[in-house]
Amino acid sequence: MLPTSLALLGTGLLGQGVARRFLARKVPVAVYNRTRAKAENLVARGARLYSTPQEAIGTSEILFLCLSDAAAIRRTVFSDPCRPLLSGRTLCQMGTIGPEESKEIASLASSLGARYLEAPILGNGKDAEEGRAQIMIGAVPEDRERWQELLGMLGKCFWIGPVGKAAALKLALNQLIAAEMAAFALSLGFVRRSGVPVEPFLDILRESSLYCPTFDKKLSRMRERNFASPNFSVRLLLKDVDLFLANAAPLELRSDSLKGVRTIIQEAVESGRADLDYSALIDLVDPLPPAGADGEGPTA
């Protein structure tokens, strides 16, 4: 089912991609972002930009939440001015939050007369904009069926189960982002410092079952040490790793390896890399000599 009106809150990297995709498919979109300037580019594409979340909510049949965390959702969507406006609307939560947080938000939405589904995506804003994201849906069957056509515009939909299940699956996938990047950075650094040409290493890796496409997607950034204009920041990676660890603890899982990676991510944040692309972890794993010092340059 396609909505007569849609609002999107949060026009960061994910929100931008989602909004652009819907606008390209001629779905009417109203947008709100706390920093208005970061949403103004969508007006030229046909979006209606509002100055407050309640204005955007008041126009919508379904509300897409592309906010950074559960606290931002509560602060933005469930403020006193917004609460009376939620009745009869559907909230679609697309960010990475914990399963219990998602259930709590669903319960709060229900108490205010709203419906709720979670639809976190694997991919980034560009994937959503190009319709090739992977969308994990956690909802009652009625809401899944009602909104699957709309969500399908963003990519391939996977029905996971009730609310909380898709959020849990997203955490399981996102911890792999941290683990894979740290491991790849370590191998690249070892190859570089051992004086081994990087191309044979990469050629063999690409032909093996060890290969992950992310390695090539991030390779030029890591070799050139160019981490500007991220599609996923170090700050958000730390947030997701902390969410995973908090939710893994009651399951009595051994997460020592991820805790080690978390230390590296935390050091990246503390060293001023919070808003860089997460491939900047290589700077902590394999730091280069200071400028002017003897040693190899950034290219392995």
Protein backbone atom coordinates (compact mmCIF):
# COMPACT_ATOMS: atom_id res chain seq x y z
CA MET A 1 0.00 0.00 0.00
CA LEU A 2 1.28 3.46 -0.87
CA PRO A 3 0.52 6.34 1.50
CA THR A 4 -1.27 9.52 0.62
CA SER A 5 1.21 11.35 2.85
CA LEU A 6 4.58 10.43 4.34
CA ALA A 7 6.83 12.27 6.78
CA LEU A 8 10.47 11.56 7.49
CA LEU A 9 12.28 12.72 10.61
CA GLY A 10 16.08 12.83 10.47
CA THR A 11 17.87 13.69 7.25
CA GLY A 12 21.31 12.34 7.98
CA LEU A 13 22.94 9.88 5.59
CA LEU A 14 20.19 7.28 5.93
CA GLY A 15 17.31 9.76 5.93
CA GLN A 16 18.66 11.52 2.85
CA GLY A 17 18.80 8.27 0.91
CA VAL A 18 15.34 7.14 1.98
CA ALA A 19 13.78 10.52 1.19
CA ARG A 20 15.44 10.74 -2.21
CA ARG A 21 14.24 7.27 -3.17
CA PHE A 22 10.64 7.99 -2.25
CA LEU A 23 10.72 11.36 -4.01
CA ALA A 24 12.17 9.77 -7.14
CA ARG A 25 9.28 7.30 -7.08
CA LYS A 26 6.79 10.18 -6.80
CA VAL A 27 5.80 9.50 -3.19
CA PRO A 28 4.94 12.80 -1.41
CA VAL A 29 7.43 13.40 1.40
CA ALA A 30 7.47 15.90 4.25
CA VAL A 31 10.76 16.20 6.14
CA TYR A 32 12.03 17.55 9.43
CA ASN A 33 15.59 17.73 10.72
CA ARG A 34 16.82 19.36 13.89
CA THR A 35 19.40 21.25 11.81
CA ARG A 36 17.17 22.66 9.10
CA ALA A 37 20.02 23.39 6.67
CA LYS A 38 20.78 19.67 6.40
CA ALA A 39 17.33 19.04 4.93
CA GLU A 40 17.01 22.01 2.60
CA ASN A 41 18.55 20.18 -0.37
CA LEU A 42 15.51 17.87 -0.43
CA VAL A 43 13.16 20.75 -1.20
CA ALA A 44 14.56 21.01 -4.73
CA ARG A 45 13.63 17.35 -5.19
CA GLY A 46 10.04 18.00 -4.18
CA ALA A 47 10.02 17.51 -0.40
CA ARG A 48 8.07 19.77 1.95
CA LEU A 49 10.34 20.99 4.73
CA TYR A 50 8.92 21.76 8.17
CA SER A 51 10.49 23.60 11.08
CA THR A 52 9.06 21.39 13.84
CA PRO A 53 8.42 17.66 14.13
CA GLN A 54 4.78 18.23 15.02
CA GLU A 55 4.21 20.03 11.72
CA ALA A 56 5.66 17.09 9.79
CA ILE A 57 3.78 14.52 11.87
CA GLY A 58 0.52 16.37 11.35
CA THR A 59 0.78 15.90 7.59
CA SER A 60 1.58 12.18 7.59
CA GLU A 61 -0.14 8.85 7.32
CA ILE A 62 3.15 7.07 8.02
CA LEU A 63 6.15 8.53 9.80
CA PHE A 64 9.67 7.28 8.97
CA LEU A 65 12.13 7.62 11.83
CA CYS A 66 15.73 7.92 10.62
CA LEU A 67 17.09 9.24 13.91
CA SER A 68 20.39 8.38 15.57
CA ASP A 69 19.17 6.42 18.58
CA ALA A 70 16.23 5.61 20.83
CA ALA A 71 16.79 8.72 22.95
CA ALA A 72 16.47 10.91 19.84
CA ILE A 73 13.23 9.12 18.93
CA ARG A 74 11.74 9.73 22.37
CA ARG A 75 12.87 13.35 22.39
CA THR A 76 11.64 14.12 18.89
CA VAL A 77 8.52 12.01 18.39
CA PHE A 78 7.13 11.74 21.90
CA SER A 79 7.53 15.32 23.07
CA ASP A 80 4.45 16.93 24.60
CA PRO A 81 3.53 18.84 21.41
CA CYS A 82 3.78 15.66 19.29
CA ARG A 83 1.98 13.12 21.47
CA PRO A 84 -1.59 14.22 20.66
CA LEU A 85 -0.82 14.03 16.93
CA LEU A 86 0.26 10.37 16.82
CA SER A 87 -3.14 8.71 17.07
CA GLY A 88 -4.09 6.91 13.86
CA ARG A 89 -0.61 7.15 12.35
CA THR A 90 2.05 4.49 11.75
CA LEU A 91 5.63 4.87 12.96
CA CYS A 92 8.32 3.09 10.92
CA GLN A 93 11.63 2.97 12.81
CA MET A 94 14.63 2.55 10.46
CA GLY A 95 17.67 3.24 12.64
CA THR A 96 19.76 0.88 14.76
CA ILE A 97 18.35 0.57 18.27
CA GLY A 98 18.16 -2.28 20.78
CA PRO A 99 15.32 -4.81 20.66
CA GLU A 100 14.02 -3.84 24.10
CA GLU A 101 14.18 -0.17 23.12
CA SER A 102 12.15 -0.97 20.01
CA LYS A 103 9.54 -2.83 22.06
CA GLU A 104 9.30 0.07 24.51
CA ILE A 105 8.78 2.55 21.69
CA ALA A 106 6.16 0.26 20.15
CA SER A 107 4.33 0.10 23.47
CA LEU A 108 4.47 3.87 23.88
CA ALA A 109 3.20 4.38 20.34
CA SER A 110 0.33 1.97 20.95
CA SER A 111 -0.64 3.77 24.15
CA LEU A 112 -1.04 6.93 22.06
CA GLY A 113 -3.13 5.25 19.38
CA ALA A 114 -0.34 4.79 16.83
CA ARG A 115 0.86 1.66 15.04
CA TYR A 116 4.55 0.72 14.92
CA LEU A 117 6.91 -1.36 12.87
CA GLU A 118 10.68 -1.60 12.85
CA ALA A 119 12.47 -1.70 9.51
CA PRO A 120 16.22 -1.28 10.03
CA ILE A 121 18.26 -1.57 6.87
CA LEU A 122 21.54 -3.23 6.06
CA GLY A 123 23.27 -0.79 3.78
CA ASN A 124 23.70 2.95 3.70
CA GLY A 125 21.82 5.94 2.40
CA LYS A 126 23.15 5.43 -1.11
CA ASP A 127 21.90 1.83 -1.10
CA ALA A 128 18.45 3.05 -0.06
CA GLU A 129 18.47 5.79 -2.69
CA GLU A 130 19.31 3.25 -5.40
CA GLY A 131 16.74 0.72 -4.17
CA ARG A 132 19.25 -1.96 -3.20
CA ALA A 133 19.15 -1.89 0.59
CA GLN A 134 18.14 -4.92 2.62
CA ILE A 135 15.23 -4.13 4.92
CA MET A 136 14.49 -6.25 7.98
CA ILE A 137 10.88 -5.96 9.08
CA GLY A 138 9.66 -6.55 12.61
CA ALA A 139 5.92 -6.04 12.92
CA VAL A 140 2.56 -7.71 13.24
CA PRO A 141 1.58 -9.36 9.93
CA GLU A 142 -1.07 -6.73 9.23
CA ASP A 143 1.43 -3.87 9.27
CA ARG A 144 3.99 -5.84 7.29
CA GLU A 145 1.46 -6.51 4.54
CA ARG A 146 0.19 -2.95 4.56
CA TRP A 147 3.59 -1.32 4.10
CA GLN A 148 5.71 -3.89 2.28
CA GLU A 149 5.11 -2.30 -1.15
CA LEU A 150 6.36 1.04 0.12
CA LEU A 151 9.38 -0.44 1.91
CA GLY A 152 10.12 -2.53 -1.16
CA MET A 153 10.97 0.67 -3.02
CA LEU A 154 14.11 0.85 -0.88
CA GLY A 155 15.31 -2.68 -1.66
CA LYS A 156 14.68 -6.28 -0.66
CA CYS A 157 12.41 -6.86 2.34
CA PHE A 158 12.90 -9.67 4.85
CA TRP A 159 10.11 -10.54 7.29
CA ILE A 160 11.88 -11.39 10.56
CA GLY A 161 9.07 -11.62 13.10
CA PRO A 162 7.42 -9.44 15.74
CA VAL A 163 8.82 -6.13 16.94
CA GLY A 164 12.24 -6.60 18.50
CA LYS A 165 13.39 -9.44 16.25
CA ALA A 166 14.50 -7.23 13.35
CA ALA A 167 16.26 -4.89 15.79
CA ALA A 168 18.16 -7.85 17.25
CA LEU A 169 19.15 -9.09 13.81
CA LYS A 170 20.42 -5.65 12.83
CA LEU A 171 22.72 -5.63 15.87
CA ALA A 172 24.04 -9.08 14.96
CA LEU A 173 24.90 -7.79 11.49
CA ASN A 174 26.36 -4.47 12.61
CA GLN A 175 28.82 -6.01 15.03
CA LEU A 176 30.30 -7.77 12.00
CA ILE A 177 31.04 -4.35 10.50
CA ALA A 178 33.33 -3.56 13.43
CA ALA A 179 34.93 -7.00 13.57
CA GLU A 180 35.60 -7.22 9.83
CA MET A 181 37.06 -3.73 9.59
CA ALA A 182 39.40 -4.23 12.53
CA ALA A 183 40.56 -7.60 11.18
CA PHE A 184 41.14 -6.25 7.66
CA ALA A 185 43.04 -3.24 9.01
CA LEU A 186 45.25 -5.57 11.04
CA SER A 187 46.06 -7.73 8.00
CA LEU A 188 46.79 -4.69 5.82
CA GLY A 189 49.07 -3.27 8.50
CA PHE A 190 50.89 -6.57 8.95
CA VAL A 191 51.46 -6.86 5.19
CA ARG A 192 52.71 -3.27 4.98
CA ARG A 193 55.09 -3.53 7.91
CA SER A 194 56.40 -6.91 6.73
CA GLY A 195 57.41 -5.39 3.40
CA VAL A 196 55.09 -7.67 1.44
CA PRO A 197 53.49 -6.18 -1.71
CA VAL A 198 49.82 -5.61 -1.01
CA GLU A 199 48.56 -6.70 -4.45
CA PRO A 200 49.32 -10.43 -4.07
CA PHE A 201 47.66 -10.34 -0.66
CA LEU A 202 44.55 -8.77 -2.16
CA ASP A 203 44.52 -11.06 -5.20
CA ILE A 204 44.60 -14.16 -3.01
CA LEU A 205 42.06 -12.73 -0.58
CA ARG A 206 39.60 -11.93 -3.38
CA GLU A 207 39.76 -15.51 -4.64
CA SER A 208 39.24 -17.02 -1.20
CA SER A 209 36.30 -17.69 1.07
CA LEU A 210 37.76 -15.09 3.45
CA TYR A 211 36.83 -12.25 1.11
CA CYS A 212 34.22 -9.64 2.04
CA PRO A 213 33.10 -6.99 -0.51
CA THR A 214 33.52 -4.31 2.15
CA PHE A 215 37.28 -4.81 1.91
CA ASP A 216 37.39 -3.43 -1.63
CA LYS A 217 34.80 -0.76 -0.88
CA LYS A 218 37.05 0.64 1.84
CA LEU A 219 40.45 -0.23 0.39
CA SER A 220 41.23 3.09 -1.29
CA ARG A 221 40.24 5.02 1.83
CA MET A 222 42.49 2.84 3.96
CA ARG A 223 45.48 3.00 1.61
CA GLU A 224 45.19 6.76 1.10
CA ARG A 225 44.09 7.45 4.70
CA ASN A 226 41.22 9.55 3.39
CA PHE A 227 38.22 9.20 5.69
CA ALA A 228 36.20 12.33 4.92
CA SER A 229 32.55 12.22 3.76
CA PRO A 230 31.70 8.99 5.58
CA ASN A 231 28.84 6.68 4.71
CA PHE A 232 29.04 5.34 8.29
CA SER A 233 30.94 7.18 10.99
CA VAL A 234 33.18 5.99 13.80
CA ARG A 235 30.76 7.60 16.27
CA LEU A 236 27.80 5.56 15.02
CA LEU A 237 29.88 2.38 14.94
CA LEU A 238 30.75 2.85 18.61
CA LYS A 239 27.07 3.39 19.41
CA ASP A 240 26.11 0.17 17.64
CA VAL A 241 28.89 -1.87 19.23
CA ASP A 242 27.84 -0.65 22.67
CA LEU A 243 24.24 -1.61 21.88
CA PHE A 244 25.33 -5.07 20.82
CA LEU A 245 27.45 -5.63 23.93
CA ALA A 246 24.64 -4.44 26.21
CA ASN A 247 22.18 -6.82 24.55
CA ALA A 248 24.62 -9.73 24.37
CA ALA A 249 25.44 -9.63 28.09
CA PRO A 250 22.13 -11.10 29.35
CA LEU A 251 22.43 -13.85 26.73
CA GLU A 252 25.68 -14.97 28.41
CA LEU A 253 27.71 -14.77 25.20
CA ARG A 254 31.50 -14.44 25.23
CA SER A 255 32.14 -11.11 23.57
CA ASP A 256 35.79 -10.59 24.52
CA SER A 257 36.89 -10.22 20.90
CA LEU A 258 34.40 -7.44 20.24
CA LYS A 259 35.37 -5.70 23.46
CA GLY A 260 38.92 -5.51 22.12
CA VAL A 261 37.65 -3.94 18.91
CA ARG A 262 35.56 -1.54 20.97
CA THR A 263 38.72 -0.28 22.67
CA ILE A 264 40.12 0.64 19.26
CA ILE A 265 36.88 2.37 18.23
CA GLN A 266 36.79 4.33 21.51
CA GLU A 267 40.37 5.46 20.95
CA ALA A 268 39.41 6.58 17.44
CA VAL A 269 36.61 8.71 18.89
CA GLU A 270 38.86 10.17 21.58
CA SER A 271 41.54 11.02 19.01
CA GLY A 272 39.17 13.24 17.02
CA ARG A 273 38.02 10.72 14.42
CA ALA A 274 34.41 10.38 15.60
CA ASP A 275 32.88 11.91 12.48
CA LEU A 276 35.18 10.22 9.98
CA ASP A 277 34.40 7.08 8.02
CA TYR A 278 34.78 3.98 10.17
CA SER A 279 37.61 2.73 7.95
CA ALA A 280 39.67 5.26 9.96
CA LEU A 281 40.16 2.44 12.46
CA ILE A 282 43.28 1.59 10.45
CA ASP A 283 44.87 4.76 11.85
CA LEU A 284 44.72 3.17 15.29
CA VAL A 285 45.59 -0.37 14.22
CA ASP A 286 48.44 0.65 11.89
CA PRO A 287 49.46 4.23 12.64
CA LEU A 288 51.74 5.83 10.07
CA PRO A 289 54.99 7.57 10.99
CA PRO A 290 54.69 11.31 11.59
CA ALA A 291 55.05 13.49 8.51
CA GLY A 292 58.70 13.86 7.61
CA ALA A 293 59.77 10.79 9.56
CA ASP A 294 61.46 7.87 7.87
CA GLY A 295 59.05 5.16 6.80
CA GLU A 296 56.54 4.29 4.18
CA GLY A 297 53.77 6.59 3.05
CA PRO A 298 50.10 5.85 3.30
CA THR A 299 49.93 3.43 0.37
CA ALA A 300 50.69 -0.15 1.36
